[in-house]
Amino acid sequence: MKLPPEPSRYWNPYAAGIALGIVLFGALFVTGSGLGASGGFARVMVFLEACVAPAHVDRNPHLAPMAGGQNHPLDHHMVWMVLGVVLGGFVSGLLAGRVKLQTCKGPRISNTTRWALAFIGGGLMGYGAGMARGCTSGQALSGGAVLSVGSWAFMMMVFAGGYLFAYPLRKAWN
C-alpha cells in the first residue's frame, strides 16, 4: 500500500488560504457571484439529460430555465469554473509529481470497501448540496464570505457530521 505524499510536498495552508481568498474575490468581481461547483455540475447533468430526453427537460420547471427551449445549459460561468478546477487540480498534481492511479486507505480496509464508502459519502454530500442549495465550496466560501446564516449553519452541520462519523469509521484509516 502506498501512502499519500509527504506533507512537505503540499502548499503552505496559510498561503493556500490567502490564494483562495484572492480567487474568491476575483470570482465575485468578475462574475458577480462566488465559487461553487454544484451549479456547474448540475448544468453538465442537465445537458446530458437534454441529449436523452429533451421534452422532459422542457416540461420540468426546475430544469427548463437551464436547458429548456433555446437555453444551453453549458453556457454558464459555473461550468467553466468546474472545468478550471478539474484542469487546475490535474496540473497542480502533475507539477508536484502526484498524478498516479492509487487508492489511499488504511491497512485494515479493502479497496472495495474504501470505494464504497467514498461513493456513499459523495452521494450523501451531493444530496445534501441539493437540499442546502449549494455545495460546500459555494456554501462555506461564497456564503460564508457574505455572512449568510444558512451557509454558516450548513458548515457547522458538515463539521458536526464529520465528528459524528469519524470515530465509527476510524478503522478505514488506521
Protein backbone atom coordinates (compact mmCIF):
# COMPACT_ATOMS: atom_id res chain seq x y z
CA MET A 1 0.00 0.00 0.00
CA LYS A 2 1.29 3.43 -0.92
CA LEU A 3 0.74 6.29 1.47
CA PRO A 4 -0.16 9.80 0.32
CA PRO A 5 2.70 12.22 -0.42
CA GLU A 6 4.65 13.75 2.42
CA PRO A 7 3.00 16.89 3.83
CA SER A 8 6.05 18.95 2.84
CA ARG A 9 5.03 18.49 -0.80
CA TYR A 10 1.76 20.36 -0.26
CA TRP A 11 1.21 24.10 -0.23
CA ASN A 12 1.60 26.01 2.99
CA PRO A 13 -2.00 26.17 4.32
CA TYR A 14 -1.76 29.90 5.07
CA ALA A 15 -0.51 30.69 1.57
CA ALA A 16 -3.22 28.44 0.09
CA GLY A 17 -5.89 30.21 2.18
CA ILE A 18 -4.72 33.63 1.02
CA ALA A 19 -4.65 32.43 -2.60
CA LEU A 20 -8.15 31.01 -2.23
CA GLY A 21 -9.39 34.31 -0.81
CA ILE A 22 -7.90 36.16 -3.77
CA VAL A 23 -9.57 33.72 -6.19
CA LEU A 24 -12.91 34.16 -4.37
CA PHE A 25 -12.60 37.94 -4.56
CA GLY A 26 -11.72 37.68 -8.26
CA ALA A 27 -14.74 35.46 -8.92
CA LEU A 28 -17.04 37.90 -7.11
CA PHE A 29 -15.51 40.82 -9.01
CA VAL A 30 -15.53 39.24 -12.49
CA THR A 31 -18.73 37.16 -12.47
CA GLY A 32 -20.78 38.83 -9.76
CA SER A 33 -21.13 35.50 -7.95
CA GLY A 34 -18.80 33.45 -5.82
CA LEU A 35 -17.34 29.99 -6.07
CA GLY A 36 -19.33 26.78 -6.15
CA ALA A 37 -19.20 23.53 -8.07
CA SER A 38 -22.67 22.03 -7.66
CA GLY A 39 -24.28 24.53 -10.04
CA GLY A 40 -21.77 23.75 -12.79
CA PHE A 41 -22.04 20.02 -12.20
CA ALA A 42 -25.85 20.26 -12.27
CA ARG A 43 -25.69 22.04 -15.62
CA VAL A 44 -23.50 19.30 -17.09
CA MET A 45 -26.01 16.67 -15.86
CA VAL A 46 -28.92 18.68 -17.35
CA PHE A 47 -27.01 18.88 -20.65
CA LEU A 48 -26.69 15.07 -20.69
CA GLU A 49 -30.36 14.68 -19.76
CA ALA A 50 -31.38 17.09 -22.54
CA CYS A 51 -29.47 14.93 -25.03
CA VAL A 52 -31.53 11.88 -24.00
CA ALA A 53 -34.92 13.38 -23.05
CA PRO A 54 -35.26 17.00 -24.27
CA ALA A 55 -39.06 17.02 -23.90
CA HIS A 56 -38.74 16.12 -20.21
CA VAL A 57 -36.28 18.97 -19.66
CA ASP A 58 -38.59 21.42 -21.46
CA ARG A 59 -41.55 20.45 -19.20
CA ASN A 60 -39.66 20.34 -15.89
CA PRO A 61 -39.92 23.69 -14.03
CA HIS A 62 -36.55 23.14 -12.34
CA LEU A 63 -34.62 22.09 -15.46
CA ALA A 64 -36.27 24.30 -18.13
CA PRO A 65 -34.55 27.55 -17.07
CA MET A 66 -31.19 25.82 -17.52
CA ALA A 67 -31.81 23.86 -20.73
CA GLY A 68 -35.39 24.27 -21.90
CA GLY A 69 -36.13 25.57 -25.38
CA GLN A 70 -33.19 27.55 -26.73
CA ASN A 71 -31.30 27.71 -23.40
CA HIS A 72 -27.97 25.92 -23.45
CA PRO A 73 -27.00 24.51 -20.04
CA LEU A 74 -23.26 24.72 -20.70
CA ASP A 75 -23.47 28.45 -21.43
CA HIS A 76 -22.78 29.48 -17.83
CA HIS A 77 -19.67 30.61 -15.97
CA MET A 78 -20.01 27.85 -13.34
CA VAL A 79 -19.46 25.17 -15.98
CA TRP A 80 -16.18 26.82 -16.92
CA MET A 81 -15.24 27.18 -13.28
CA VAL A 82 -15.72 23.44 -12.67
CA LEU A 83 -13.66 22.67 -15.77
CA GLY A 84 -10.95 25.02 -14.49
CA VAL A 85 -10.95 23.34 -11.06
CA VAL A 86 -10.51 19.90 -12.64
CA LEU A 87 -7.77 21.05 -15.02
CA GLY A 88 -6.07 23.15 -12.34
CA GLY A 89 -6.05 20.25 -9.90
CA PHE A 90 -4.59 17.98 -12.57
CA VAL A 91 -1.85 20.47 -13.50
CA SER A 92 -1.07 21.03 -9.81
CA GLY A 93 -0.77 17.27 -9.30
CA LEU A 94 1.47 16.97 -12.35
CA LEU A 95 3.77 19.73 -11.16
CA ALA A 96 4.03 18.13 -7.71
CA GLY A 97 4.61 14.65 -9.15
CA ARG A 98 1.46 13.23 -7.52
CA VAL A 99 -0.55 12.10 -10.54
CA LYS A 100 -0.92 8.32 -10.30
CA LEU A 101 -3.68 5.75 -10.01
CA GLN A 102 -3.96 4.67 -6.40
CA THR A 103 -6.47 4.09 -3.63
CA CYS A 104 -5.46 5.81 -0.39
CA LYS A 105 -6.74 3.81 2.57
CA GLY A 106 -5.79 2.34 5.88
CA PRO A 107 -4.27 -1.14 6.18
CA ARG A 108 -7.41 -2.75 7.68
CA ILE A 109 -9.87 -1.84 4.92
CA SER A 110 -10.23 -3.30 1.43
CA ASN A 111 -10.18 -1.30 -1.78
CA THR A 112 -13.82 -2.28 -2.40
CA THR A 113 -14.94 -1.01 1.00
CA ARG A 114 -12.92 2.19 0.57
CA TRP A 115 -14.51 2.88 -2.81
CA ALA A 116 -18.00 2.01 -1.49
CA LEU A 117 -17.58 4.43 1.42
CA ALA A 118 -16.30 7.12 -0.97
CA PHE A 119 -19.34 6.74 -3.25
CA ILE A 120 -21.80 6.66 -0.35
CA GLY A 121 -20.19 9.76 1.17
CA GLY A 122 -20.12 11.54 -2.17
CA GLY A 123 -23.77 10.69 -2.80
CA LEU A 124 -24.78 11.99 0.63
CA MET A 125 -22.80 15.19 0.08
CA GLY A 126 -24.41 15.65 -3.35
CA TYR A 127 -27.88 15.12 -1.90
CA GLY A 128 -27.06 17.50 0.94
CA ALA A 129 -25.80 20.09 -1.53
CA GLY A 130 -29.14 19.95 -3.33
CA MET A 131 -31.06 20.33 -0.08
CA ALA A 132 -28.81 23.15 1.12
CA ARG A 133 -28.94 24.92 -2.25
CA GLY A 134 -25.19 24.75 -2.74
CA CYS A 135 -22.10 22.65 -2.30
CA THR A 136 -19.54 23.05 0.44
CA SER A 137 -17.41 25.40 -1.64
CA GLY A 138 -20.35 27.61 -2.51
CA GLN A 139 -21.81 27.50 0.99
CA ALA A 140 -18.59 27.81 3.00
CA LEU A 141 -16.60 30.16 0.81
CA SER A 142 -19.12 32.30 -1.00
CA GLY A 143 -21.93 32.17 1.54
CA GLY A 144 -19.56 32.44 4.48
CA ALA A 145 -17.81 35.42 2.92
CA VAL A 146 -21.08 37.36 2.77
CA LEU A 147 -22.02 36.18 6.30
CA SER A 148 -25.02 34.11 5.19
CA VAL A 149 -26.58 32.49 8.26
CA GLY A 150 -27.65 29.45 6.22
CA SER A 151 -24.10 28.93 4.99
CA TRP A 152 -22.67 29.10 8.49
CA ALA A 153 -25.33 26.66 9.75
CA PHE A 154 -24.56 24.31 6.85
CA MET A 155 -20.85 24.29 7.61
CA MET A 156 -21.47 23.72 11.32
CA MET A 157 -23.51 20.65 10.37
CA VAL A 158 -20.78 19.45 7.97
CA PHE A 159 -18.25 19.57 10.80
CA ALA A 160 -20.72 18.01 13.25
CA GLY A 161 -21.32 15.16 10.80
CA GLY A 162 -17.58 14.74 10.34
CA TYR A 163 -17.02 14.45 14.07
CA LEU A 164 -20.04 12.14 14.45
CA PHE A 165 -18.80 9.66 11.85
CA ALA A 166 -15.04 9.98 12.42
CA TYR A 167 -14.94 7.62 15.39
CA PRO A 168 -17.01 4.74 13.94
CA LEU A 169 -15.21 4.94 10.57
CA ARG A 170 -11.69 5.35 12.00
CA LYS A 171 -10.72 1.79 11.03
CA ALA A 172 -10.73 2.93 7.42
CA TRP A 173 -7.58 4.95 8.15
CA ASN A 174 -5.78 3.12 11.00
